Protein backbone atom coordinates (compact mmCIF):
# COMPACT_ATOMS: atom_id res chain seq x y z
CA UNK A 1 -0.06 0.02 -0.15
CA UNK A 2 2.94 2.32 0.61
CA UNK A 3 3.85 2.35 -2.98
CA UNK A 4 0.27 3.47 -3.78
CA UNK A 5 0.39 6.43 -1.21
CA UNK A 6 3.83 7.57 -2.46
CA UNK A 7 2.74 7.27 -6.26
CA UNK A 8 -0.35 9.35 -5.60
CA UNK A 9 1.47 11.95 -3.47
CA UNK A 10 3.95 12.27 -6.31
CA UNK A 11 1.33 12.79 -8.94
CA UNK A 12 -0.63 15.47 -6.85
CA UNK A 13 2.68 17.23 -6.36
CA UNK A 14 3.57 17.00 -10.06
CA UNK A 15 0.05 18.25 -10.97
CA UNK A 16 0.29 21.32 -8.78
CA UNK A 17 3.85 22.10 -10.16
CA UNK A 18 2.46 21.76 -13.61
CA UNK A 19 0.48 25.06 -12.83
CA UNK A 20 3.99 26.66 -13.36
CA UNK A 21 5.08 24.14 -16.03
CA UNK A 22 2.33 24.17 -18.31
CA UNK A 23 2.42 28.14 -18.96
CA UNK A 24 6.13 27.78 -19.67
CA UNK A 25 5.32 25.21 -22.56
CA UNK A 26 2.44 27.50 -23.76
CA UNK A 27 5.11 30.52 -23.95
CA UNK A 28 7.50 28.20 -25.76
CA UNK A 29 4.68 27.25 -28.22
CA UNK A 30 4.39 30.94 -29.20
CA UNK A 31 7.74 30.80 -30.76
CA UNK A 32 8.03 26.99 -31.84
CA UNK A 33 5.34 24.17 -31.88
CA UNK A 34 8.09 21.68 -32.30
CA UNK A 35 10.00 22.94 -29.21
CA UNK A 36 6.72 23.02 -27.22
CA UNK A 37 5.77 19.37 -28.17
CA UNK A 38 9.34 18.18 -27.19
CA UNK A 39 9.13 19.95 -23.87
CA UNK A 40 5.57 18.57 -23.05
CA UNK A 41 6.76 15.17 -24.17
CA UNK A 42 10.04 15.30 -21.93
CA UNK A 43 8.01 16.64 -18.96
CA UNK A 44 5.52 14.00 -19.03
CA UNK A 45 7.80 11.15 -19.78
CA UNK A 46 9.95 12.23 -16.90
CA UNK A 47 6.92 12.14 -14.61
CA UNK A 48 5.94 8.64 -15.83
CA UNK A 49 9.48 7.38 -15.24
CA UNK A 50 9.25 8.43 -11.60
CA UNK A 51 5.79 6.93 -11.21
CA UNK A 52 7.36 3.63 -12.63
CA UNK A 53 10.26 3.97 -10.23
CA UNK A 54 8.05 4.40 -7.32
CA UNK A 55 5.82 1.14 -8.32
CA UNK A 56 9.10 -0.77 -8.69
CA UNK A 57 8.50 -1.69 -12.29
CA UNK A 58 11.65 -3.35 -13.81
CA UNK A 59 11.03 -2.48 -17.45
CA UNK A 60 12.93 -4.49 -20.21
CA UNK A 61 12.75 -2.95 -23.69
CA UNK A 62 13.25 -4.99 -26.84
CA UNK A 63 14.00 -3.92 -30.41
CA UNK A 64 13.46 -0.38 -29.69
CA UNK A 65 15.86 0.40 -32.68
CA UNK A 66 13.26 -0.71 -35.00
CA UNK A 67 11.33 2.60 -34.52
CA UNK A 68 11.63 4.64 -37.61
CA UNK A 69 13.19 7.91 -37.03
CA UNK A 70 12.15 11.28 -38.56
CA UNK A 71 8.71 10.24 -39.52
CA UNK A 72 5.27 9.90 -38.08
CA UNK A 73 4.21 6.42 -36.64
CA UNK A 74 1.03 4.73 -35.53
CA UNK A 75 2.03 2.71 -32.30
CA UNK A 76 -0.66 0.22 -31.65
CA UNK A 77 -0.29 -1.84 -28.34
CA UNK A 78 -2.20 -4.55 -26.21
CA UNK A 79 -3.80 -3.18 -23.18
CA UNK A 80 -4.18 -4.72 -19.54
CA UNK A 81 -3.10 -1.94 -17.21
CA UNK A 82 -3.10 1.76 -16.53
CA UNK A 83 0.69 1.22 -16.39
CA UNK A 84 0.65 0.62 -20.22
CA UNK A 85 0.33 4.22 -20.83
CA UNK A 86 2.66 5.15 -18.22
CA UNK A 87 5.64 2.91 -19.30
CA UNK A 88 5.08 2.98 -23.12
CA UNK A 89 4.79 6.88 -23.38
CA UNK A 90 8.05 7.17 -21.38
CA UNK A 91 9.77 5.06 -24.23
CA UNK A 92 8.60 7.20 -27.05
CA UNK A 93 11.37 8.87 -29.00
CA UNK A 94 9.37 11.82 -30.42
CA UNK A 95 6.15 13.74 -29.24
CA UNK A 96 3.36 11.35 -29.19
CA UNK A 97 -0.29 11.85 -29.04
CA UNK A 98 -2.43 9.10 -27.13
CA UNK A 99 -5.89 8.38 -28.37
CA UNK A 100 -7.66 7.99 -24.81
CA UNK A 101 -11.24 7.59 -23.54
CA UNK A 102 -13.10 10.63 -23.00
CA UNK A 103 -13.14 10.10 -19.15
CA UNK A 104 -9.67 11.38 -19.02
CA UNK A 105 -10.93 14.76 -19.71
CA UNK A 106 -12.33 14.75 -16.00
CA UNK A 107 -8.63 14.57 -14.58
CA UNK A 108 -7.88 18.14 -13.80
CA UNK A 109 -4.46 19.49 -14.96
CA UNK A 110 -3.58 16.10 -16.48
CA UNK A 111 -6.03 17.01 -19.21
CA UNK A 112 -4.10 20.13 -19.93
CA UNK A 113 -1.03 18.01 -20.55
CA UNK A 114 -2.92 15.78 -22.86
CA UNK A 115 -4.08 18.82 -24.85
CA UNK A 116 -0.45 19.95 -24.91
CA UNK A 117 0.44 16.54 -26.30
CA UNK A 118 -2.43 16.75 -28.94
CA UNK A 119 -4.12 13.84 -27.41
CA UNK A 120 -7.52 12.84 -28.83
CA UNK A 121 -10.48 11.46 -26.83
CA UNK A 122 -12.95 8.81 -27.80
CA UNK A 123 -16.59 8.18 -26.50
CA UNK A 124 -17.18 4.44 -26.48
CA UNK A 125 -21.06 5.18 -26.84
CA UNK A 126 -20.75 7.70 -29.60
CA UNK A 127 -19.78 6.28 -33.04
CA UNK A 128 -20.37 9.36 -34.95
CA UNK A 129 -17.99 11.25 -32.58
CA UNK A 130 -15.50 8.59 -32.86
CA UNK A 131 -15.53 8.59 -36.48
CA UNK A 132 -14.75 12.49 -36.28
CA UNK A 133 -11.96 11.70 -33.92
CA UNK A 134 -10.32 8.96 -36.22
CA UNK A 135 -10.70 11.55 -39.14
CA UNK A 136 -8.74 14.20 -37.09
CA UNK A 137 -6.11 11.53 -36.20
CA UNK A 138 -5.69 10.88 -39.84
CA UNK A 139 -4.98 14.63 -40.45
CA UNK A 140 -2.76 14.77 -37.47
CA UNK A 141 -0.72 11.95 -38.89
CA UNK A 142 -0.56 13.48 -42.37
CA UNK A 143 0.91 16.52 -40.67
CA UNK A 144 3.70 14.56 -38.97
CA UNK A 145 2.09 13.67 -35.61
CA UNK A 146 3.02 10.36 -33.99
CA UNK A 147 0.14 8.70 -32.40
CA UNK A 148 -0.32 5.81 -29.93
CA UNK A 149 -3.53 3.93 -29.83
CA UNK A 150 -4.81 0.82 -27.87
CA UNK A 151 -7.05 -0.71 -30.47
CA UNK A 152 -8.89 -3.18 -28.05
CA UNK A 153 -10.79 -0.13 -26.65
CA UNK A 154 -10.67 -1.11 -23.17
CA UNK A 155 -8.44 -3.23 -20.87
CA UNK A 156 -8.24 -6.91 -21.14
CA UNK A 157 -8.99 -8.67 -17.88
CA UNK A 158 -8.21 -12.07 -18.84
CA UNK A 159 -5.74 -13.93 -16.56
CA UNK A 160 -3.44 -14.82 -19.39
CA UNK A 161 -0.97 -12.32 -21.05
CA UNK A 162 -2.21 -13.66 -24.16
CA UNK A 163 -5.83 -12.73 -23.59
CA UNK A 164 -6.70 -9.84 -25.73
CA UNK A 165 -10.03 -8.09 -26.73
CA UNK A 166 -10.55 -8.13 -30.67
CA UNK A 167 -8.55 -5.22 -32.04
CA UNK A 168 -11.11 -2.60 -33.73
CA UNK A 169 -10.20 -2.54 -37.35
CA UNK A 170 -11.30 1.42 -37.40
CA UNK A 171 -8.20 2.29 -35.49
CA UNK A 172 -6.18 1.23 -38.21
CA UNK A 173 -7.73 3.75 -40.68
CA UNK A 174 -5.46 6.37 -39.22
CA UNK A 175 -2.49 4.65 -40.94
CA UNK A 176 -4.28 3.20 -44.04
CA UNK A 177 -5.51 6.84 -44.96
CA UNK A 178 -2.63 8.63 -43.76
CA UNK A 179 0.01 6.35 -45.13
CA UNK A 180 2.12 6.24 -41.97
CA UNK A 181 3.82 3.12 -40.89
CA UNK A 182 2.20 0.93 -38.03
CA UNK A 183 4.37 -0.19 -35.06
CA UNK A 184 3.04 -3.18 -33.20
CA UNK A 185 4.08 -3.14 -29.56
CA UNK A 186 3.56 -5.93 -26.97
CA UNK A 187 3.46 -5.18 -23.38
CA UNK A 188 3.86 -8.00 -20.94
CA UNK A 189 3.55 -7.95 -17.24
CA UNK A 190 1.88 -4.77 -16.24
CA UNK A 191 -1.18 -6.33 -14.93
CA UNK A 192 0.88 -7.66 -12.16
CA UNK A 193 1.86 -4.40 -10.96
CA UNK A 194 -1.63 -3.11 -10.16
CA UNK A 195 -4.77 -4.49 -11.61
CA UNK A 196 -4.36 -8.05 -10.31
CA UNK A 197 -4.41 -6.83 -6.66
CA UNK A 198 -5.95 -3.40 -6.86
CA UNK A 199 -5.51 -1.20 -4.98
CA UNK A 200 -2.08 -2.52 -3.96
CA UNK A 201 0.84 -1.60 -6.34
CA UNK A 202 3.51 -4.47 -6.47
CA UNK A 203 6.98 -4.30 -7.82
CA UNK A 204 7.25 -6.69 -11.00
CA UNK A 205 8.99 -7.31 -14.33
CA UNK A 206 7.58 -5.55 -17.56
CA UNK A 207 8.71 -6.22 -21.00
CA UNK A 208 7.99 -3.87 -23.77
CA UNK A 209 8.71 -5.30 -27.21
CA UNK A 210 8.68 -3.27 -30.48
CA UNK A 211 7.73 -5.28 -33.70
CA UNK A 212 8.85 -4.80 -37.13
CA UNK A 213 7.04 -1.67 -38.61
CA UNK A 214 4.12 -2.43 -40.96
CA UNK A 215 4.03 -0.16 -44.13
CA UNK A 216 0.25 -0.06 -45.19
CA UNK A 217 1.30 0.68 -48.92
CA UNK A 218 2.76 -2.66 -49.11
CA UNK A 219 -0.44 -4.58 -48.27
CA UNK A 220 -2.85 -5.73 -50.76
CA UNK A 221 -6.53 -4.92 -50.33
CA UNK A 222 -7.53 -8.04 -48.45
CA UNK A 223 -4.66 -7.70 -46.07
CA UNK A 224 -5.64 -3.91 -45.51
CA UNK A 225 -9.19 -5.16 -44.43
CA UNK A 226 -7.77 -7.33 -41.95
CA UNK A 227 -4.87 -5.37 -40.78
CA UNK A 228 -6.18 -5.20 -37.09
CA UNK A 229 -6.28 -9.08 -36.94
CA UNK A 230 -2.71 -9.25 -38.53
CA UNK A 231 -1.31 -6.70 -36.02
CA UNK A 232 -3.05 -8.60 -33.21
CA UNK A 233 -1.41 -11.81 -34.32
CA UNK A 234 2.04 -10.30 -34.43
CA UNK A 235 1.47 -8.81 -30.86
CA UNK A 236 0.41 -12.34 -29.57
CA UNK A 237 3.48 -13.80 -31.18
CA UNK A 238 5.68 -11.16 -29.34
CA UNK A 239 3.95 -11.70 -26.15
CA UNK A 240 4.57 -15.61 -26.34
CA UNK A 241 8.34 -14.71 -26.69
CA UNK A 242 8.37 -12.19 -23.76
């Protein structure tokens, strides 16, 4: 329980200090959006790394060198824990927007950081609104924005690390319509940190594996129709080897 208390205290302090840090980022943005985006990514990634340290997460990263440099990417990952976001975002090599659920808007100050990072928010109950968000993500990707999405839509609660909800094919339209590459990411072990024994945080080993990028332009029409299934199969294979 002490890990949870310390983590909550750190987050509260960080959010309060953010009342000074966010205006600095906005000021930087008046002169350079690129500099503001890099600043926002660096600050949030630092905070996430501190939370990971407090939680006792021992992270092993595999094949990070596979991430293409100097171009926008659509990262897609399996989702079993809130720590997926914490640990994976801290590994990003460029400013990354997260496609999150709309409930995140209710978290004061954190929501401002997400806006600074150009995050988008989905409403599971509003299909029309979600289509609008996907279209906005397509434009973001065309304009060079790297995006991270969890295509299961919600956390998998299965006991096995291989348990995943079906990937939503609509998520992959971001890459198919913008032409950016898809980077499959397999996250193994995060449920052991919190969700398996909520609200107690326990230290544990986590593996983050980066797969071979998928270029949507190299796929035929049939493969494009089932790109979500293909990507899920690749992530499952990586989980087996974690």
